ModelCIF file with pLDDT and N, C-alpha, C, O atoms, coordinates in Angstrom:
data_MODEL
#
_entry.id   MODEL 
#
_entity.id                         1 
_entity.type                       polymer 
_entity.pdbx_number_of_molecules   1 
#
_entity_poly.entity_id                      1 
_entity_poly.type                           'polypeptide(L)' 
_entity_poly.nstd_linkage                   no 
_entity_poly.nstd_monomer                   no 
_entity_poly.pdbx_seq_one_letter_code       RLSKLNYCKINGAVLHLAEKNSLIAVMGLKKEIVAMIMPMTLDESER 
_entity_poly.pdbx_seq_one_letter_code_can   RLSKLNYCKINGAVLHLAEKNSLIAVMGLKKEIVAMIMPMTLDESER 
_entity_poly.pdbx_strand_id                 A 
#
loop_
_entity_poly_seq.entity_id 
_entity_poly_seq.num 
_entity_poly_seq.mon_id 
_entity_poly_seq.hetero 
1 1  ARG n 
1 2  LEU n 
1 3  SER n 
1 4  LYS n 
1 5  LEU n 
1 6  ASN n 
1 7  TYR n 
1 8  CYS n 
1 9  LYS n 
1 10 ILE n 
1 11 ASN n 
1 12 GLY n 
1 13 ALA n 
1 14 VAL n 
1 15 LEU n 
1 16 HIS n 
1 17 LEU n 
1 18 ALA n 
1 19 GLU n 
1 20 LYS n 
1 21 ASN n 
1 22 SER n 
1 23 LEU n 
1 24 ILE n 
1 25 ALA n 
1 26 VAL n 
1 27 MET n 
1 28 GLY n 
1 29 LEU n 
1 30 LYS n 
1 31 LYS n 
1 32 GLU n 
1 33 ILE n 
1 34 VAL n 
1 35 ALA n 
1 36 MET n 
1 37 ILE n 
1 38 MET n 
1 39 PRO n 
1 40 MET n 
1 41 THR n 
1 42 LEU n 
1 43 ASP n 
1 44 GLU n 
1 45 SER n 
1 46 GLU n 
1 47 ARG n 
#
_struct_asym.id          A 
_struct_asym.entity_id   1 
#
loop_
_ma_qa_metric.id 
_ma_qa_metric.mode 
_ma_qa_metric.name 
_ma_qa_metric.software_group_id 
_ma_qa_metric.type 
1 global pLDDT . pLDDT 
2 local  pLDDT . pLDDT 
#
_ma_qa_metric_global.metric_id      1 
_ma_qa_metric_global.metric_value   78.13 
_ma_qa_metric_global.model_id       1 
_ma_qa_metric_global.ordinal_id     1 
#
loop_
_ma_qa_metric_local.label_asym_id 
_ma_qa_metric_local.label_comp_id 
_ma_qa_metric_local.label_seq_id 
_ma_qa_metric_local.metric_id 
_ma_qa_metric_local.metric_value 
_ma_qa_metric_local.model_id 
_ma_qa_metric_local.ordinal_id 
A ARG 1  2 83.00 1 1  
A LEU 2  2 82.00 1 2  
A SER 3  2 79.00 1 3  
A LYS 4  2 77.00 1 4  
A LEU 5  2 78.00 1 5  
A ASN 6  2 63.00 1 6  
A TYR 7  2 61.00 1 7  
A CYS 8  2 57.00 1 8  
A LYS 9  2 59.00 1 9  
A ILE 10 2 61.00 1 10 
A ASN 11 2 71.00 1 11 
A GLY 12 2 78.00 1 12 
A ALA 13 2 83.00 1 13 
A VAL 14 2 86.00 1 14 
A LEU 15 2 85.00 1 15 
A HIS 16 2 84.00 1 16 
A LEU 17 2 81.00 1 17 
A ALA 18 2 73.00 1 18 
A GLU 19 2 62.00 1 19 
A LYS 20 2 69.00 1 20 
A ASN 21 2 74.00 1 21 
A SER 22 2 83.00 1 22 
A LEU 23 2 86.00 1 23 
A ILE 24 2 85.00 1 24 
A ALA 25 2 86.00 1 25 
A VAL 26 2 85.00 1 26 
A MET 27 2 84.00 1 27 
A GLY 28 2 79.00 1 28 
A LEU 29 2 77.00 1 29 
A LYS 30 2 76.00 1 30 
A LYS 31 2 79.00 1 31 
A GLU 32 2 74.00 1 32 
A ILE 33 2 80.00 1 33 
A VAL 34 2 82.00 1 34 
A ALA 35 2 82.00 1 35 
A MET 36 2 82.00 1 36 
A ILE 37 2 85.00 1 37 
A MET 38 2 84.00 1 38 
A PRO 39 2 84.00 1 39 
A MET 40 2 84.00 1 40 
A THR 41 2 83.00 1 41 
A LEU 42 2 81.00 1 42 
A ASP 43 2 83.00 1 43 
A GLU 44 2 81.00 1 44 
A SER 45 2 82.00 1 45 
A GLU 46 2 81.00 1 46 
A ARG 47 2 78.00 1 47 
#
loop_
_atom_site.group_PDB 
_atom_site.id 
_atom_site.type_symbol 
_atom_site.label_atom_id 
_atom_site.label_alt_id 
_atom_site.label_comp_id 
_atom_site.label_asym_id 
_atom_site.label_entity_id 
_atom_site.label_seq_id 
_atom_site.pdbx_PDB_ins_code 
_atom_site.Cartn_x 
_atom_site.Cartn_y 
_atom_site.Cartn_z 
_atom_site.occupancy 
_atom_site.B_iso_or_equiv 
_atom_site.pdbx_formal_charge 
_atom_site.auth_seq_id 
_atom_site.auth_comp_id 
_atom_site.auth_asym_id 
_atom_site.auth_atom_id 
_atom_site.pdbx_PDB_model_num 
ATOM 1   N N  . ARG A 1 1  ? 0.733  -1.152  -0.035 1.00 83.00 ? 1  ARG A N  1 
ATOM 2   C CA . ARG A 1 1  ? -0.062 -0.102  0.220  1.00 83.00 ? 1  ARG A CA 1 
ATOM 3   C C  . ARG A 1 1  ? 0.806  0.765   -0.200 1.00 83.00 ? 1  ARG A C  1 
ATOM 4   O O  . ARG A 1 1  ? 0.647  1.089   -1.377 1.00 83.00 ? 1  ARG A O  1 
ATOM 5   N N  . LEU A 1 2  ? 2.251  1.584   0.719  1.00 82.00 ? 2  LEU A N  1 
ATOM 6   C CA . LEU A 1 2  ? 2.934  1.939   0.621  1.00 82.00 ? 2  LEU A CA 1 
ATOM 7   C C  . LEU A 1 2  ? 3.024  2.723   -0.844 1.00 82.00 ? 2  LEU A C  1 
ATOM 8   O O  . LEU A 1 2  ? 3.268  3.926   -0.937 1.00 82.00 ? 2  LEU A O  1 
ATOM 9   N N  . SER A 1 3  ? 2.736  1.647   -2.213 1.00 79.00 ? 3  SER A N  1 
ATOM 10  C CA . SER A 1 3  ? 3.524  2.771   -3.381 1.00 79.00 ? 3  SER A CA 1 
ATOM 11  C C  . SER A 1 3  ? 2.131  3.252   -3.960 1.00 79.00 ? 3  SER A C  1 
ATOM 12  O O  . SER A 1 3  ? 2.126  3.615   -5.136 1.00 79.00 ? 3  SER A O  1 
ATOM 13  N N  . LYS A 1 4  ? 0.674  3.296   -3.074 1.00 77.00 ? 4  LYS A N  1 
ATOM 14  C CA . LYS A 1 4  ? -0.340 3.673   -3.997 1.00 77.00 ? 4  LYS A CA 1 
ATOM 15  C C  . LYS A 1 4  ? -0.144 5.177   -3.151 1.00 77.00 ? 4  LYS A C  1 
ATOM 16  O O  . LYS A 1 4  ? -0.762 6.132   -3.621 1.00 77.00 ? 4  LYS A O  1 
ATOM 17  N N  . LEU A 1 5  ? 0.679  5.400   -1.948 1.00 78.00 ? 5  LEU A N  1 
ATOM 18  C CA . LEU A 1 5  ? 0.908  6.814   -1.400 1.00 78.00 ? 5  LEU A CA 1 
ATOM 19  C C  . LEU A 1 5  ? 2.438  7.686   -1.884 1.00 78.00 ? 5  LEU A C  1 
ATOM 20  O O  . LEU A 1 5  ? 2.940  8.695   -1.389 1.00 78.00 ? 5  LEU A O  1 
ATOM 21  N N  . ASN A 1 6  ? 2.708  7.179   -2.570 1.00 63.00 ? 6  ASN A N  1 
ATOM 22  C CA . ASN A 1 6  ? 3.919  7.542   -3.070 1.00 63.00 ? 6  ASN A CA 1 
ATOM 23  C C  . ASN A 1 6  ? 4.212  8.422   -4.331 1.00 63.00 ? 6  ASN A C  1 
ATOM 24  O O  . ASN A 1 6  ? 5.127  8.276   -5.142 1.00 63.00 ? 6  ASN A O  1 
ATOM 25  N N  . TYR A 1 7  ? 3.126  9.464   -4.306 1.00 61.00 ? 7  TYR A N  1 
ATOM 26  C CA . TYR A 1 7  ? 2.712  9.716   -5.818 1.00 61.00 ? 7  TYR A CA 1 
ATOM 27  C C  . TYR A 1 7  ? 4.503  10.607  -6.590 1.00 61.00 ? 7  TYR A C  1 
ATOM 28  O O  . TYR A 1 7  ? 4.634  11.056  -7.729 1.00 61.00 ? 7  TYR A O  1 
ATOM 29  N N  . CYS A 1 8  ? 5.475  10.581  -5.575 1.00 57.00 ? 8  CYS A N  1 
ATOM 30  C CA . CYS A 1 8  ? 6.598  11.806  -5.764 1.00 57.00 ? 8  CYS A CA 1 
ATOM 31  C C  . CYS A 1 8  ? 7.924  10.084  -6.129 1.00 57.00 ? 8  CYS A C  1 
ATOM 32  O O  . CYS A 1 8  ? 8.854  9.723   -5.407 1.00 57.00 ? 8  CYS A O  1 
ATOM 33  N N  . LYS A 1 9  ? 7.442  9.438   -7.462 1.00 59.00 ? 9  LYS A N  1 
ATOM 34  C CA . LYS A 1 9  ? 8.277  8.444   -7.349 1.00 59.00 ? 9  LYS A CA 1 
ATOM 35  C C  . LYS A 1 9  ? 9.448  8.680   -7.101 1.00 59.00 ? 9  LYS A C  1 
ATOM 36  O O  . LYS A 1 9  ? 9.888  8.282   -6.022 1.00 59.00 ? 9  LYS A O  1 
ATOM 37  N N  . ILE A 1 10 ? 10.094 9.215   -7.781 1.00 61.00 ? 10 ILE A N  1 
ATOM 38  C CA . ILE A 1 10 ? 11.851 9.371   -8.078 1.00 61.00 ? 10 ILE A CA 1 
ATOM 39  C C  . ILE A 1 10 ? 12.204 9.861   -6.247 1.00 61.00 ? 10 ILE A C  1 
ATOM 40  O O  . ILE A 1 10 ? 13.365 9.508   -6.038 1.00 61.00 ? 10 ILE A O  1 
ATOM 41  N N  . ASN A 1 11 ? 11.826 10.278  -5.425 1.00 71.00 ? 11 ASN A N  1 
ATOM 42  C CA . ASN A 1 11 ? 11.657 11.139  -4.222 1.00 71.00 ? 11 ASN A CA 1 
ATOM 43  C C  . ASN A 1 11 ? 12.169 9.843   -2.742 1.00 71.00 ? 11 ASN A C  1 
ATOM 44  O O  . ASN A 1 11 ? 12.815 9.966   -1.701 1.00 71.00 ? 11 ASN A O  1 
ATOM 45  N N  . GLY A 1 12 ? 11.172 8.248   -3.686 1.00 78.00 ? 12 GLY A N  1 
ATOM 46  C CA . GLY A 1 12 ? 10.951 7.402   -2.705 1.00 78.00 ? 12 GLY A CA 1 
ATOM 47  C C  . GLY A 1 12 ? 10.111 7.652   -1.147 1.00 78.00 ? 12 GLY A C  1 
ATOM 48  O O  . GLY A 1 12 ? 9.150  8.406   -1.003 1.00 78.00 ? 12 GLY A O  1 
ATOM 49  N N  . ALA A 1 13 ? 10.644 6.952   -0.242 1.00 83.00 ? 13 ALA A N  1 
ATOM 50  C CA . ALA A 1 13 ? 10.343 7.206   1.440  1.00 83.00 ? 13 ALA A CA 1 
ATOM 51  C C  . ALA A 1 13 ? 11.257 7.079   2.329  1.00 83.00 ? 13 ALA A C  1 
ATOM 52  O O  . ALA A 1 13 ? 12.278 6.436   2.090  1.00 83.00 ? 13 ALA A O  1 
ATOM 53  N N  . VAL A 1 14 ? 11.009 7.736   3.618  1.00 86.00 ? 14 VAL A N  1 
ATOM 54  C CA . VAL A 1 14 ? 11.957 7.293   4.005  1.00 86.00 ? 14 VAL A CA 1 
ATOM 55  C C  . VAL A 1 14 ? 11.709 6.101   5.755  1.00 86.00 ? 14 VAL A C  1 
ATOM 56  O O  . VAL A 1 14 ? 10.873 6.491   6.570  1.00 86.00 ? 14 VAL A O  1 
ATOM 57  N N  . LEU A 1 15 ? 12.414 4.947   6.018  1.00 85.00 ? 15 LEU A N  1 
ATOM 58  C CA . LEU A 1 15 ? 11.221 4.394   6.891  1.00 85.00 ? 15 LEU A CA 1 
ATOM 59  C C  . LEU A 1 15 ? 12.003 4.293   8.180  1.00 85.00 ? 15 LEU A C  1 
ATOM 60  O O  . LEU A 1 15 ? 13.071 4.891   8.310  1.00 85.00 ? 15 LEU A O  1 
ATOM 61  N N  . HIS A 1 16 ? 11.509 3.581   9.086  1.00 84.00 ? 16 HIS A N  1 
ATOM 62  C CA . HIS A 1 16 ? 11.262 4.357   10.469 1.00 84.00 ? 16 HIS A CA 1 
ATOM 63  C C  . HIS A 1 16 ? 11.383 2.995   11.268 1.00 84.00 ? 16 HIS A C  1 
ATOM 64  O O  . HIS A 1 16 ? 10.447 3.111   12.059 1.00 84.00 ? 16 HIS A O  1 
ATOM 65  N N  . LEU A 1 17 ? 12.045 1.632   11.563 1.00 81.00 ? 17 LEU A N  1 
ATOM 66  C CA . LEU A 1 17 ? 11.442 0.491   12.840 1.00 81.00 ? 17 LEU A CA 1 
ATOM 67  C C  . LEU A 1 17 ? 11.549 1.556   14.067 1.00 81.00 ? 17 LEU A C  1 
ATOM 68  O O  . LEU A 1 17 ? 12.570 1.954   14.629 1.00 81.00 ? 17 LEU A O  1 
ATOM 69  N N  . ALA A 1 18 ? 9.731  2.014   14.398 1.00 73.00 ? 18 ALA A N  1 
ATOM 70  C CA . ALA A 1 18 ? 9.775  2.959   16.242 1.00 73.00 ? 18 ALA A CA 1 
ATOM 71  C C  . ALA A 1 18 ? 10.094 1.660   17.137 1.00 73.00 ? 18 ALA A C  1 
ATOM 72  O O  . ALA A 1 18 ? 9.964  0.501   16.741 1.00 73.00 ? 18 ALA A O  1 
ATOM 73  N N  . GLU A 1 19 ? 10.448 1.976   18.162 1.00 62.00 ? 19 GLU A N  1 
ATOM 74  C CA . GLU A 1 19 ? 10.319 1.088   19.440 1.00 62.00 ? 19 GLU A CA 1 
ATOM 75  C C  . GLU A 1 19 ? 10.069 0.100   19.273 1.00 62.00 ? 19 GLU A C  1 
ATOM 76  O O  . GLU A 1 19 ? 10.859 -0.843  19.324 1.00 62.00 ? 19 GLU A O  1 
ATOM 77  N N  . LYS A 1 20 ? 8.505  0.024   18.946 1.00 69.00 ? 20 LYS A N  1 
ATOM 78  C CA . LYS A 1 20 ? 7.856  -0.860  19.388 1.00 69.00 ? 20 LYS A CA 1 
ATOM 79  C C  . LYS A 1 20 ? 7.815  -1.550  18.454 1.00 69.00 ? 20 LYS A C  1 
ATOM 80  O O  . LYS A 1 20 ? 6.869  -2.328  18.331 1.00 69.00 ? 20 LYS A O  1 
ATOM 81  N N  . ASN A 1 21 ? 8.851  -1.481  17.477 1.00 74.00 ? 21 ASN A N  1 
ATOM 82  C CA . ASN A 1 21 ? 8.313  -2.408  16.301 1.00 74.00 ? 21 ASN A CA 1 
ATOM 83  C C  . ASN A 1 21 ? 7.590  -2.041  15.201 1.00 74.00 ? 21 ASN A C  1 
ATOM 84  O O  . ASN A 1 21 ? 7.589  -2.743  14.190 1.00 74.00 ? 21 ASN A O  1 
ATOM 85  N N  . SER A 1 22 ? 6.827  -0.773  15.305 1.00 83.00 ? 22 SER A N  1 
ATOM 86  C CA . SER A 1 22 ? 5.684  -0.454  13.710 1.00 83.00 ? 22 SER A CA 1 
ATOM 87  C C  . SER A 1 22 ? 6.890  0.216   12.465 1.00 83.00 ? 22 SER A C  1 
ATOM 88  O O  . SER A 1 22 ? 7.989  0.759   12.580 1.00 83.00 ? 22 SER A O  1 
ATOM 89  N N  . LEU A 1 23 ? 6.226  -0.068  11.566 1.00 86.00 ? 23 LEU A N  1 
ATOM 90  C CA . LEU A 1 23 ? 7.627  0.696   10.485 1.00 86.00 ? 23 LEU A CA 1 
ATOM 91  C C  . LEU A 1 23 ? 6.286  2.217   10.100 1.00 86.00 ? 23 LEU A C  1 
ATOM 92  O O  . LEU A 1 23 ? 5.126  2.295   9.693  1.00 86.00 ? 23 LEU A O  1 
ATOM 93  N N  . ILE A 1 24 ? 7.379  3.165   10.545 1.00 85.00 ? 24 ILE A N  1 
ATOM 94  C CA . ILE A 1 24 ? 6.611  4.307   9.900  1.00 85.00 ? 24 ILE A CA 1 
ATOM 95  C C  . ILE A 1 24 ? 7.401  4.857   8.426  1.00 85.00 ? 24 ILE A C  1 
ATOM 96  O O  . ILE A 1 24 ? 8.537  4.681   7.985  1.00 85.00 ? 24 ILE A O  1 
ATOM 97  N N  . ALA A 1 25 ? 6.894  5.171   8.214  1.00 86.00 ? 25 ALA A N  1 
ATOM 98  C CA . ALA A 1 25 ? 7.382  5.544   6.094  1.00 86.00 ? 25 ALA A CA 1 
ATOM 99  C C  . ALA A 1 25 ? 6.540  7.410   5.776  1.00 86.00 ? 25 ALA A C  1 
ATOM 100 O O  . ALA A 1 25 ? 5.490  7.911   5.373  1.00 86.00 ? 25 ALA A O  1 
ATOM 101 N N  . VAL A 1 26 ? 7.913  7.805   6.304  1.00 85.00 ? 26 VAL A N  1 
ATOM 102 C CA . VAL A 1 26 ? 7.058  9.327   5.462  1.00 85.00 ? 26 VAL A CA 1 
ATOM 103 C C  . VAL A 1 26 ? 7.612  9.587   3.983  1.00 85.00 ? 26 VAL A C  1 
ATOM 104 O O  . VAL A 1 26 ? 8.592  9.108   3.412  1.00 85.00 ? 26 VAL A O  1 
ATOM 105 N N  . MET A 1 27 ? 6.659  10.502  3.560  1.00 84.00 ? 27 MET A N  1 
ATOM 106 C CA . MET A 1 27 ? 7.083  10.376  1.932  1.00 84.00 ? 27 MET A CA 1 
ATOM 107 C C  . MET A 1 27 ? 6.294  11.787  1.653  1.00 84.00 ? 27 MET A C  1 
ATOM 108 O O  . MET A 1 27 ? 5.325  12.190  2.295  1.00 84.00 ? 27 MET A O  1 
ATOM 109 N N  . GLY A 1 28 ? 6.954  12.473  0.503  1.00 79.00 ? 28 GLY A N  1 
ATOM 110 C CA . GLY A 1 28 ? 6.565  13.543  0.001  1.00 79.00 ? 28 GLY A CA 1 
ATOM 111 C C  . GLY A 1 28 ? 7.903  15.216  0.206  1.00 79.00 ? 28 GLY A C  1 
ATOM 112 O O  . GLY A 1 28 ? 8.595  15.706  1.097  1.00 79.00 ? 28 GLY A O  1 
ATOM 113 N N  . LEU A 1 29 ? 7.592  15.480  -1.202 1.00 77.00 ? 29 LEU A N  1 
ATOM 114 C CA . LEU A 1 29 ? 7.869  17.010  -1.081 1.00 77.00 ? 29 LEU A CA 1 
ATOM 115 C C  . LEU A 1 29 ? 9.028  17.307  0.405  1.00 77.00 ? 29 LEU A C  1 
ATOM 116 O O  . LEU A 1 29 ? 10.234 17.331  0.650  1.00 77.00 ? 29 LEU A O  1 
ATOM 117 N N  . LYS A 1 30 ? 7.570  17.510  1.167  1.00 76.00 ? 30 LYS A N  1 
ATOM 118 C CA . LYS A 1 30 ? 7.458  18.491  2.574  1.00 76.00 ? 30 LYS A CA 1 
ATOM 119 C C  . LYS A 1 30 ? 7.932  17.349  2.952  1.00 76.00 ? 30 LYS A C  1 
ATOM 120 O O  . LYS A 1 30 ? 9.060  17.444  2.469  1.00 76.00 ? 30 LYS A O  1 
ATOM 121 N N  . LYS A 1 31 ? 7.897  16.084  3.589  1.00 79.00 ? 31 LYS A N  1 
ATOM 122 C CA . LYS A 1 31 ? 7.190  14.985  4.208  1.00 79.00 ? 31 LYS A CA 1 
ATOM 123 C C  . LYS A 1 31 ? 6.298  14.901  5.048  1.00 79.00 ? 31 LYS A C  1 
ATOM 124 O O  . LYS A 1 31 ? 6.267  14.362  6.154  1.00 79.00 ? 31 LYS A O  1 
ATOM 125 N N  . GLU A 1 32 ? 5.158  15.772  4.155  1.00 74.00 ? 32 GLU A N  1 
ATOM 126 C CA . GLU A 1 32 ? 3.653  14.876  3.828  1.00 74.00 ? 32 GLU A CA 1 
ATOM 127 C C  . GLU A 1 32 ? 3.061  13.964  5.167  1.00 74.00 ? 32 GLU A C  1 
ATOM 128 O O  . GLU A 1 32 ? 2.618  13.980  6.315  1.00 74.00 ? 32 GLU A O  1 
ATOM 129 N N  . ILE A 1 33 ? 3.531  13.018  3.753  1.00 80.00 ? 33 ILE A N  1 
ATOM 130 C CA . ILE A 1 33 ? 2.529  11.673  4.438  1.00 80.00 ? 33 ILE A CA 1 
ATOM 131 C C  . ILE A 1 33 ? 3.502  10.550  4.852  1.00 80.00 ? 33 ILE A C  1 
ATOM 132 O O  . ILE A 1 33 ? 4.509  10.073  4.329  1.00 80.00 ? 33 ILE A O  1 
ATOM 133 N N  . VAL A 1 34 ? 2.662  10.251  6.249  1.00 82.00 ? 34 VAL A N  1 
ATOM 134 C CA . VAL A 1 34 ? 3.351  9.237   7.182  1.00 82.00 ? 34 VAL A CA 1 
ATOM 135 C C  . VAL A 1 34 ? 2.443  8.467   7.212  1.00 82.00 ? 34 VAL A C  1 
ATOM 136 O O  . VAL A 1 34 ? 1.349  9.029   7.268  1.00 82.00 ? 34 VAL A O  1 
ATOM 137 N N  . ALA A 1 35 ? 2.402  6.832   7.192  1.00 82.00 ? 35 ALA A N  1 
ATOM 138 C CA . ALA A 1 35 ? 2.058  5.734   7.132  1.00 82.00 ? 35 ALA A CA 1 
ATOM 139 C C  . ALA A 1 35 ? 2.225  5.081   8.323  1.00 82.00 ? 35 ALA A C  1 
ATOM 140 O O  . ALA A 1 35 ? 3.223  5.637   8.782  1.00 82.00 ? 35 ALA A O  1 
ATOM 141 N N  . MET A 1 36 ? 1.899  4.299   9.069  1.00 82.00 ? 36 MET A N  1 
ATOM 142 C CA . MET A 1 36 ? 2.168  3.287   10.182 1.00 82.00 ? 36 MET A CA 1 
ATOM 143 C C  . MET A 1 36 ? 1.829  2.155   9.544  1.00 82.00 ? 36 MET A C  1 
ATOM 144 O O  . MET A 1 36 ? 0.913  2.321   8.739  1.00 82.00 ? 36 MET A O  1 
ATOM 145 N N  . ILE A 1 37 ? 2.258  1.037   9.624  1.00 85.00 ? 37 ILE A N  1 
ATOM 146 C CA . ILE A 1 37 ? 2.246  -0.484  9.322  1.00 85.00 ? 37 ILE A CA 1 
ATOM 147 C C  . ILE A 1 37 ? 2.615  -1.076  11.509 1.00 85.00 ? 37 ILE A C  1 
ATOM 148 O O  . ILE A 1 37 ? 3.638  -1.219  12.178 1.00 85.00 ? 37 ILE A O  1 
ATOM 149 N N  . MET A 1 38 ? 1.121  -1.217  11.794 1.00 84.00 ? 38 MET A N  1 
ATOM 150 C CA . MET A 1 38 ? 1.643  -2.545  12.973 1.00 84.00 ? 38 MET A CA 1 
ATOM 151 C C  . MET A 1 38 ? 2.073  -4.110  12.099 1.00 84.00 ? 38 MET A C  1 
ATOM 152 O O  . MET A 1 38 ? 1.849  -4.640  11.011 1.00 84.00 ? 38 MET A O  1 
ATOM 153 N N  . PRO A 1 39 ? 2.938  -4.441  13.578 1.00 84.00 ? 39 PRO A N  1 
ATOM 154 C CA . PRO A 1 39 ? 4.062  -5.191  13.239 1.00 84.00 ? 39 PRO A CA 1 
ATOM 155 C C  . PRO A 1 39 ? 2.925  -6.664  14.011 1.00 84.00 ? 39 PRO A C  1 
ATOM 156 O O  . PRO A 1 39 ? 2.082  -6.620  14.906 1.00 84.00 ? 39 PRO A O  1 
ATOM 157 N N  . MET A 1 40 ? 3.520  -8.031  12.999 1.00 84.00 ? 40 MET A N  1 
ATOM 158 C CA . MET A 1 40 ? 2.479  -8.974  13.489 1.00 84.00 ? 40 MET A CA 1 
ATOM 159 C C  . MET A 1 40 ? 3.311  -9.369  14.495 1.00 84.00 ? 40 MET A C  1 
ATOM 160 O O  . MET A 1 40 ? 4.298  -8.675  14.737 1.00 84.00 ? 40 MET A O  1 
ATOM 161 N N  . THR A 1 41 ? 3.027  -10.655 15.315 1.00 83.00 ? 41 THR A N  1 
ATOM 162 C CA . THR A 1 41 ? 3.573  -11.111 16.572 1.00 83.00 ? 41 THR A CA 1 
ATOM 163 C C  . THR A 1 41 ? 4.345  -12.246 16.066 1.00 83.00 ? 41 THR A C  1 
ATOM 164 O O  . THR A 1 41 ? 3.858  -13.039 15.261 1.00 83.00 ? 41 THR A O  1 
ATOM 165 N N  . LEU A 1 42 ? 6.013  -12.380 16.700 1.00 81.00 ? 42 LEU A N  1 
ATOM 166 C CA . LEU A 1 42 ? 6.720  -13.420 16.235 1.00 81.00 ? 42 LEU A CA 1 
ATOM 167 C C  . LEU A 1 42 ? 7.291  -14.642 17.695 1.00 81.00 ? 42 LEU A C  1 
ATOM 168 O O  . LEU A 1 42 ? 7.322  -14.271 18.868 1.00 81.00 ? 42 LEU A O  1 
ATOM 169 N N  . ASP A 1 43 ? 7.497  -15.391 17.451 1.00 83.00 ? 43 ASP A N  1 
ATOM 170 C CA . ASP A 1 43 ? 8.053  -16.155 18.836 1.00 83.00 ? 43 ASP A CA 1 
ATOM 171 C C  . ASP A 1 43 ? 9.513  -16.356 17.695 1.00 83.00 ? 43 ASP A C  1 
ATOM 172 O O  . ASP A 1 43 ? 9.738  -16.213 16.493 1.00 83.00 ? 43 ASP A O  1 
ATOM 173 N N  . GLU A 1 44 ? 10.441 -16.865 19.223 1.00 81.00 ? 44 GLU A N  1 
ATOM 174 C CA . GLU A 1 44 ? 11.779 -16.835 19.131 1.00 81.00 ? 44 GLU A CA 1 
ATOM 175 C C  . GLU A 1 44 ? 11.770 -17.352 17.962 1.00 81.00 ? 44 GLU A C  1 
ATOM 176 O O  . GLU A 1 44 ? 12.397 -16.583 17.234 1.00 81.00 ? 44 GLU A O  1 
ATOM 177 N N  . SER A 1 45 ? 11.166 -18.798 17.015 1.00 82.00 ? 45 SER A N  1 
ATOM 178 C CA . SER A 1 45 ? 12.263 -19.712 16.046 1.00 82.00 ? 45 SER A CA 1 
ATOM 179 C C  . SER A 1 45 ? 11.786 -18.121 15.214 1.00 82.00 ? 45 SER A C  1 
ATOM 180 O O  . SER A 1 45 ? 12.413 -17.267 14.588 1.00 82.00 ? 45 SER A O  1 
ATOM 181 N N  . GLU A 1 46 ? 11.149 -18.205 15.393 1.00 81.00 ? 46 GLU A N  1 
ATOM 182 C CA . GLU A 1 46 ? 10.624 -17.440 13.671 1.00 81.00 ? 46 GLU A CA 1 
ATOM 183 C C  . GLU A 1 46 ? 11.625 -15.584 13.683 1.00 81.00 ? 46 GLU A C  1 
ATOM 184 O O  . GLU A 1 46 ? 11.667 -14.697 12.830 1.00 81.00 ? 46 GLU A O  1 
ATOM 185 N N  . ARG A 1 47 ? 12.137 -15.676 14.794 1.00 78.00 ? 47 ARG A N  1 
ATOM 186 C CA . ARG A 1 47 ? 12.983 -14.038 14.832 1.00 78.00 ? 47 ARG A CA 1 
ATOM 187 C C  . ARG A 1 47 ? 14.591 -14.749 14.329 1.00 78.00 ? 47 ARG A C  1 
ATOM 188 O O  . ARG A 1 47 ? 15.574 -14.019 14.197 1.00 78.00 ? 47 ARG A O  1 
#
């Protein structure tokens, strides 16, 4: 879904891995578009 938000594809997006493991994407010429994706729960073997 992030690709649908990034209307200025040349600039791409900046991805942040938040302290609680959410992925935050910042995009736009003025950094005016911010999205957050919640993580899935993992057990130790999956890590």
